[in-house]
Amino acid sequence: MTSEALTRWHQHRMTIVISQIAPTFLLITTIALLQFGLAESPFAVKVAAAGILLASGILGALVQFQSAQEATTLANTALANEPEVRASARWLWVVQFVTPAIFTVIYLALMVALFG
């Protein structure tokens, strides 16, 4: 069971990392596009950009939250005797709460820059 559980643990960690790629890339791209005039675009284009960012952030946060929750459960049950896993698992709250909060702050700052 431990080998299978470790495989699942690593899959959850990989899912968390991959789920951060799209929102991060889109935030960076939006900052770059603001430098090239996105804020002067028609209102519909700005709303579309805001919606794309919001959707990617929400979906990314949901995946991160669920994967972190499942990894925490796995670490506390099937992998409770694995010290490296337990040490790593105690930081999964950052993925669940801090990372979405940081995205939200950046998103709001970009909305002020885009619509302000």
C-alpha atoms as a PDB file:
ATOM      1  CA  MET A   1       0.000   0.000   0.000  1.00  0.00           C
ATOM      2  CA  THR A   2       2.827   2.418   0.782  1.00  0.00           C
ATOM      3  CA  SER A   3       4.222   2.298  -2.743  1.00  0.00           C
ATOM      4  CA  GLU A   4       0.784   2.981  -4.220  1.00  0.00           C
ATOM      5  CA  ALA A   5       0.151   5.692  -1.649  1.00  0.00           C
ATOM      6  CA  LEU A   6       3.496   7.347  -2.426  1.00  0.00           C
ATOM      7  CA  THR A   7       2.630   7.313  -6.106  1.00  0.00           C
ATOM      8  CA  ARG A   8      -0.678   9.012  -5.325  1.00  0.00           C
ATOM      9  CA  TRP A   9       1.150  11.533  -3.082  1.00  0.00           C
ATOM     10  CA  HIS A  10       3.493  12.459  -5.940  1.00  0.00           C
ATOM     11  CA  GLN A  11       0.557  12.715  -8.343  1.00  0.00           C
ATOM     12  CA  HIS A  12      -1.170  15.189  -6.024  1.00  0.00           C
ATOM     13  CA  ARG A  13       1.995  17.256  -5.743  1.00  0.00           C
ATOM     14  CA  MET A  14       2.402  17.294  -9.523  1.00  0.00           C
ATOM     15  CA  THR A  15      -1.235  18.299  -9.954  1.00  0.00           C
ATOM     16  CA  ILE A  16      -0.696  21.235  -7.596  1.00  0.00           C
ATOM     17  CA  VAL A  17       2.341  22.424  -9.553  1.00  0.00           C
ATOM     18  CA  ILE A  18       0.654  22.053 -12.945  1.00  0.00           C
ATOM     19  CA  SER A  19      -2.502  23.817 -11.761  1.00  0.00           C
ATOM     20  CA  GLN A  20      -0.433  26.916 -11.002  1.00  0.00           C
ATOM     21  CA  ILE A  21       1.051  27.218 -14.491  1.00  0.00           C
ATOM     22  CA  ALA A  22      -1.922  28.646 -16.419  1.00  0.00           C
ATOM     23  CA  PRO A  23      -3.002  31.284 -13.873  1.00  0.00           C
ATOM     24  CA  THR A  24       0.605  32.431 -13.382  1.00  0.00           C
ATOM     25  CA  PHE A  25       1.228  32.606 -17.112  1.00  0.00           C
ATOM     26  CA  LEU A  26      -1.988  34.551 -17.679  1.00  0.00           C
ATOM     27  CA  LEU A  27      -1.191  37.030 -14.907  1.00  0.00           C
ATOM     28  CA  ILE A  28       2.253  37.659 -16.403  1.00  0.00           C
ATOM     29  CA  THR A  29       0.802  37.951 -19.899  1.00  0.00           C
ATOM     30  CA  THR A  30      -1.792  40.459 -18.718  1.00  0.00           C
ATOM     31  CA  ILE A  31       0.915  42.602 -17.145  1.00  0.00           C
ATOM     32  CA  ALA A  32       2.819  42.505 -20.416  1.00  0.00           C
ATOM     33  CA  LEU A  33      -0.295  43.338 -22.439  1.00  0.00           C
ATOM     34  CA  LEU A  34      -1.017  46.309 -20.179  1.00  0.00           C
ATOM     35  CA  GLN A  35       2.337  47.692 -21.257  1.00  0.00           C
ATOM     36  CA  PHE A  36       1.232  47.409 -24.881  1.00  0.00           C
ATOM     37  CA  GLY A  37      -2.120  49.126 -24.489  1.00  0.00           C
ATOM     38  CA  LEU A  38      -4.590  46.577 -23.161  1.00  0.00           C
ATOM     39  CA  ALA A  39      -6.043  49.249 -20.865  1.00  0.00           C
ATOM     40  CA  GLU A  40      -6.945  51.346 -23.929  1.00  0.00           C
ATOM     41  CA  SER A  41      -8.737  48.444 -25.625  1.00  0.00           C
ATOM     42  CA  PRO A  42     -12.515  48.388 -26.081  1.00  0.00           C
ATOM     43  CA  PHE A  43     -14.521  47.594 -22.947  1.00  0.00           C
ATOM     44  CA  ALA A  44     -15.532  44.150 -24.258  1.00  0.00           C
ATOM     45  CA  VAL A  45     -11.892  43.152 -24.696  1.00  0.00           C
ATOM     46  CA  LYS A  46     -11.076  44.259 -21.149  1.00  0.00           C
ATOM     47  CA  VAL A  47     -14.041  42.308 -19.763  1.00  0.00           C
ATOM     48  CA  ALA A  48     -12.953  39.239 -21.732  1.00  0.00           C
ATOM     49  CA  ALA A  49      -9.402  39.528 -20.376  1.00  0.00           C
ATOM     50  CA  ALA A  50     -10.742  39.898 -16.828  1.00  0.00           C
ATOM     51  CA  GLY A  51     -13.024  36.880 -17.289  1.00  0.00           C
ATOM     52  CA  ILE A  52     -10.258  34.683 -18.651  1.00  0.00           C
ATOM     53  CA  LEU A  53      -8.035  35.582 -15.709  1.00  0.00           C
ATOM     54  CA  LEU A  54     -10.814  35.009 -13.210  1.00  0.00           C
ATOM     55  CA  ALA A  55     -11.829  31.663 -14.700  1.00  0.00           C
ATOM     56  CA  SER A  56      -8.260  30.348 -14.764  1.00  0.00           C
ATOM     57  CA  GLY A  57      -7.717  31.525 -11.206  1.00  0.00           C
ATOM     58  CA  ILE A  58     -10.877  29.907  -9.893  1.00  0.00           C
ATOM     59  CA  LEU A  59     -10.256  26.615 -11.683  1.00  0.00           C
ATOM     60  CA  GLY A  60      -6.614  26.580 -10.617  1.00  0.00           C
ATOM     61  CA  ALA A  61      -7.548  27.311  -7.004  1.00  0.00           C
ATOM     62  CA  LEU A  62     -10.183  24.563  -6.968  1.00  0.00           C
ATOM     63  CA  VAL A  63      -7.732  21.993  -8.298  1.00  0.00           C
ATOM     64  CA  GLN A  64      -5.030  23.123  -5.867  1.00  0.00           C
ATOM     65  CA  PHE A  65      -7.395  23.079  -2.901  1.00  0.00           C
ATOM     66  CA  GLN A  66      -8.754  19.623  -3.664  1.00  0.00           C
ATOM     67  CA  SER A  67      -5.349  18.103  -4.431  1.00  0.00           C
ATOM     68  CA  ALA A  68      -3.899  19.590  -1.254  1.00  0.00           C
ATOM     69  CA  GLN A  69      -6.829  18.266   0.775  1.00  0.00           C
ATOM     70  CA  GLU A  70      -6.493  14.787  -0.693  1.00  0.00           C
ATOM     71  CA  ALA A  71      -2.709  14.827  -0.204  1.00  0.00           C
ATOM     72  CA  THR A  72      -3.165  15.897   3.421  1.00  0.00           C
ATOM     73  CA  THR A  73      -5.601  13.062   4.034  1.00  0.00           C
ATOM     74  CA  LEU A  74      -3.214  10.618   2.391  1.00  0.00           C
ATOM     75  CA  ALA A  75      -0.304  11.892   4.498  1.00  0.00           C
ATOM     76  CA  ASN A  76      -2.312  11.530   7.685  1.00  0.00           C
ATOM     77  CA  THR A  77      -3.518   8.012   6.948  1.00  0.00           C
ATOM     78  CA  ALA A  78      -1.687   5.738   4.505  1.00  0.00           C
ATOM     79  CA  LEU A  79       1.605   7.658   4.707  1.00  0.00           C
ATOM     80  CA  ALA A  80       1.548   8.521   8.413  1.00  0.00           C
ATOM     81  CA  ASN A  81       4.818   6.622   8.926  1.00  0.00           C
ATOM     82  CA  GLU A  82       6.675   8.514   6.185  1.00  0.00           C
ATOM     83  CA  PRO A  83       8.482  11.424   7.887  1.00  0.00           C
ATOM     84  CA  GLU A  84       9.348  13.247   4.645  1.00  0.00           C
ATOM     85  CA  VAL A  85       5.745  13.162   3.516  1.00  0.00           C
ATOM     86  CA  ARG A  86       4.446  14.324   6.893  1.00  0.00           C
ATOM     87  CA  ALA A  87       6.957  17.190   6.944  1.00  0.00           C
ATOM     88  CA  SER A  88       5.931  18.295   3.483  1.00  0.00           C
ATOM     89  CA  ALA A  89       2.216  17.832   4.121  1.00  0.00           C
ATOM     90  CA  ARG A  90       2.173  20.324   6.962  1.00  0.00           C
ATOM     91  CA  TRP A  91       2.791  23.094   4.392  1.00  0.00           C
ATOM     92  CA  LEU A  92      -0.146  22.225   2.156  1.00  0.00           C
ATOM     93  CA  TRP A  93      -2.256  24.880   3.905  1.00  0.00           C
ATOM     94  CA  VAL A  94      -0.185  27.423   1.945  1.00  0.00           C
ATOM     95  CA  VAL A  95      -1.445  25.905  -1.301  1.00  0.00           C
ATOM     96  CA  GLN A  96      -5.015  25.893  -0.031  1.00  0.00           C
ATOM     97  CA  PHE A  97      -5.213  29.396   1.400  1.00  0.00           C
ATOM     98  CA  VAL A  98      -2.183  31.622   0.765  1.00  0.00           C
ATOM     99  CA  THR A  99      -1.739  30.970  -2.950  1.00  0.00           C
ATOM    100  CA  PRO A 100      -5.382  31.813  -3.817  1.00  0.00           C
ATOM    101  CA  ALA A 101      -5.142  34.932  -1.633  1.00  0.00           C
ATOM    102  CA  ILE A 102      -2.035  36.088  -3.503  1.00  0.00           C
ATOM    103  CA  PHE A 103      -3.774  35.463  -6.836  1.00  0.00           C
ATOM    104  CA  THR A 104      -6.745  37.509  -5.628  1.00  0.00           C
ATOM    105  CA  VAL A 105      -4.589  40.472  -4.630  1.00  0.00           C
ATOM    106  CA  ILE A 106      -2.734  40.422  -7.955  1.00  0.00           C
ATOM    107  CA  TYR A 107      -6.007  40.001  -9.849  1.00  0.00           C
ATOM    108  CA  LEU A 108      -7.534  43.009  -8.085  1.00  0.00           C
ATOM    109  CA  ALA A 109      -4.436  45.109  -8.780  1.00  0.00           C
ATOM    110  CA  LEU A 110      -4.642  44.172 -12.459  1.00  0.00           C
ATOM    111  CA  MET A 111      -8.347  45.062 -12.559  1.00  0.00           C
ATOM    112  CA  VAL A 112      -7.541  48.501 -11.160  1.00  0.00           C
ATOM    113  CA  ALA A 113      -4.852  48.907 -13.819  1.00  0.00           C
ATOM    114  CA  LEU A 114      -7.158  47.621 -16.542  1.00  0.00           C
ATOM    115  CA  PHE A 115     -10.349  49.500 -15.684  1.00  0.00           C
ATOM    116  CA  GLY A 116      -9.069  52.312 -13.469  1.00  0.00           C
END
